[in-house]
Amino acid sequence: MPMTAGQLEQMIKTALPDAKVDITDLRGDGDHYAAHVVSKAFAGKTRVQQHQMVYDALGGGMGDTLHALALQTSVPDDA
């Protein structure tokens, strides 16, 4: 069963409560998304560590319920 953009956003915000999350459904199939996640929790982390934090928030849904996620992460300008 595909994941909705709202479900994806909620999973990320549960793990990273301060996150600003922008989700785009790339194909309209609920299976291929792009996400831009901005969180203070990423401060001092490498890009790989930031992405791992987001993948961890998906609780194993990546590759199962969610086929593809084009991910961009960053720290807020005021952090």
C-alpha atoms as a PDB file:
ATOM      1  CA  MET A   1       0.000   0.000   0.000  1.00  0.00           C
ATOM      2  CA  PRO A   2       1.489   3.401  -0.972  1.00  0.00           C
ATOM      3  CA  MET A   3       2.357   6.027   1.605  1.00  0.00           C
ATOM      4  CA  THR A   4       0.695   9.435   1.435  1.00  0.00           C
ATOM      5  CA  ALA A   5       2.696  12.655   1.555  1.00  0.00           C
ATOM      6  CA  GLY A   6       0.942  13.456   4.836  1.00  0.00           C
ATOM      7  CA  GLN A   7       2.025  10.153   6.379  1.00  0.00           C
ATOM      8  CA  LEU A   8       5.591  10.709   5.248  1.00  0.00           C
ATOM      9  CA  GLU A   9       5.621  14.232   6.681  1.00  0.00           C
ATOM     10  CA  GLN A  10       4.127  13.061   9.988  1.00  0.00           C
ATOM     11  CA  MET A  11       6.717  10.300  10.401  1.00  0.00           C
ATOM     12  CA  ILE A  12       9.544  12.778   9.875  1.00  0.00           C
ATOM     13  CA  LYS A  13       8.009  15.356  12.233  1.00  0.00           C
ATOM     14  CA  THR A  14       7.497  12.721  14.921  1.00  0.00           C
ATOM     15  CA  ALA A  15      11.225  11.989  14.907  1.00  0.00           C
ATOM     16  CA  LEU A  16      12.303  15.603  14.274  1.00  0.00           C
ATOM     17  CA  PRO A  17       9.604  17.784  15.908  1.00  0.00           C
ATOM     18  CA  ASP A  18      11.163  21.115  14.878  1.00  0.00           C
ATOM     19  CA  ALA A  19      11.500  20.066  11.237  1.00  0.00           C
ATOM     20  CA  LYS A  20      10.121  22.049   8.344  1.00  0.00           C
ATOM     21  CA  VAL A  21       9.164  19.404   5.786  1.00  0.00           C
ATOM     22  CA  ASP A  22       8.278  19.971   2.144  1.00  0.00           C
ATOM     23  CA  ILE A  23       7.088  16.848   0.295  1.00  0.00           C
ATOM     24  CA  THR A  24       6.518  16.504  -3.452  1.00  0.00           C
ATOM     25  CA  ASP A  25       4.912  13.411  -4.997  1.00  0.00           C
ATOM     26  CA  LEU A  26       7.076  12.972  -8.085  1.00  0.00           C
ATOM     27  CA  ARG A  27       4.820  10.604 -10.031  1.00  0.00           C
ATOM     28  CA  GLY A  28       1.442  10.853  -8.341  1.00  0.00           C
ATOM     29  CA  ASP A  29       1.670   7.205  -7.331  1.00  0.00           C
ATOM     30  CA  GLY A  30       2.411   7.583  -3.602  1.00  0.00           C
ATOM     31  CA  ASP A  31       5.613   5.636  -4.162  1.00  0.00           C
ATOM     32  CA  HIS A  32       8.134   8.209  -5.423  1.00  0.00           C
ATOM     33  CA  TYR A  33       8.671  11.380  -3.391  1.00  0.00           C
ATOM     34  CA  ALA A  34      11.070  14.262  -3.024  1.00  0.00           C
ATOM     35  CA  ALA A  35      11.505  15.727   0.445  1.00  0.00           C
ATOM     36  CA  HIS A  36      13.306  18.803   1.723  1.00  0.00           C
ATOM     37  CA  VAL A  37      13.763  18.627   5.488  1.00  0.00           C
ATOM     38  CA  VAL A  38      15.144  21.520   7.542  1.00  0.00           C
ATOM     39  CA  SER A  39      15.919  20.852  11.206  1.00  0.00           C
ATOM     40  CA  LYS A  40      18.176  22.197  13.955  1.00  0.00           C
ATOM     41  CA  ALA A  41      18.834  18.545  14.852  1.00  0.00           C
ATOM     42  CA  PHE A  42      21.047  18.354  11.744  1.00  0.00           C
ATOM     43  CA  ALA A  43      23.534  20.896  13.141  1.00  0.00           C
ATOM     44  CA  GLY A  44      27.043  19.449  13.264  1.00  0.00           C
ATOM     45  CA  LYS A  45      26.013  16.334  11.324  1.00  0.00           C
ATOM     46  CA  THR A  46      27.353  15.272   7.954  1.00  0.00           C
ATOM     47  CA  ARG A  47      24.930  15.086   5.038  1.00  0.00           C
ATOM     48  CA  VAL A  48      25.007  11.271   5.306  1.00  0.00           C
ATOM     49  CA  GLN A  49      24.150  11.447   9.019  1.00  0.00           C
ATOM     50  CA  GLN A  50      21.314  13.890   8.293  1.00  0.00           C
ATOM     51  CA  HIS A  51      19.852  11.578   5.662  1.00  0.00           C
ATOM     52  CA  GLN A  52      20.200   8.588   7.996  1.00  0.00           C
ATOM     53  CA  MET A  53      18.187  10.471  10.624  1.00  0.00           C
ATOM     54  CA  VAL A  54      15.364  10.921   8.110  1.00  0.00           C
ATOM     55  CA  TYR A  55      15.532   7.283   6.956  1.00  0.00           C
ATOM     56  CA  ASP A  56      15.437   6.182  10.615  1.00  0.00           C
ATOM     57  CA  ALA A  57      12.289   8.283  11.053  1.00  0.00           C
ATOM     58  CA  LEU A  58      10.621   6.213   8.326  1.00  0.00           C
ATOM     59  CA  GLY A  59      10.941   3.121  10.502  1.00  0.00           C
ATOM     60  CA  GLY A  60      11.842   0.674   7.754  1.00  0.00           C
ATOM     61  CA  GLY A  61       9.304   2.021   5.262  1.00  0.00           C
ATOM     62  CA  MET A  62      12.051   2.901   2.784  1.00  0.00           C
ATOM     63  CA  GLY A  63      12.246   0.208   0.120  1.00  0.00           C
ATOM     64  CA  ASP A  64       9.027  -1.382   1.337  1.00  0.00           C
ATOM     65  CA  THR A  65       6.081   1.020   1.418  1.00  0.00           C
ATOM     66  CA  LEU A  66       8.131   3.825  -0.065  1.00  0.00           C
ATOM     67  CA  HIS A  67      10.089   2.962  -3.203  1.00  0.00           C
ATOM     68  CA  ALA A  68      12.050   6.170  -3.831  1.00  0.00           C
ATOM     69  CA  LEU A  69      12.841   9.303  -1.853  1.00  0.00           C
ATOM     70  CA  ALA A  70      14.920  12.128  -3.316  1.00  0.00           C
ATOM     71  CA  LEU A  71      16.105  13.752  -0.117  1.00  0.00           C
ATOM     72  CA  GLN A  72      17.556  17.188   0.628  1.00  0.00           C
ATOM     73  CA  THR A  73      18.397  18.147   4.208  1.00  0.00           C
ATOM     74  CA  SER A  74      19.671  21.351   5.760  1.00  0.00           C
ATOM     75  CA  VAL A  75      20.027  23.303   8.976  1.00  0.00           C
ATOM     76  CA  PRO A  76      17.878  26.431   9.389  1.00  0.00           C
ATOM     77  CA  ASP A  77      19.646  29.724   8.731  1.00  0.00           C
ATOM     78  CA  ASP A  78      19.115  30.821  12.340  1.00  0.00           C
ATOM     79  CA  ALA A  79      20.711  27.712  13.870  1.00  0.00           C
END
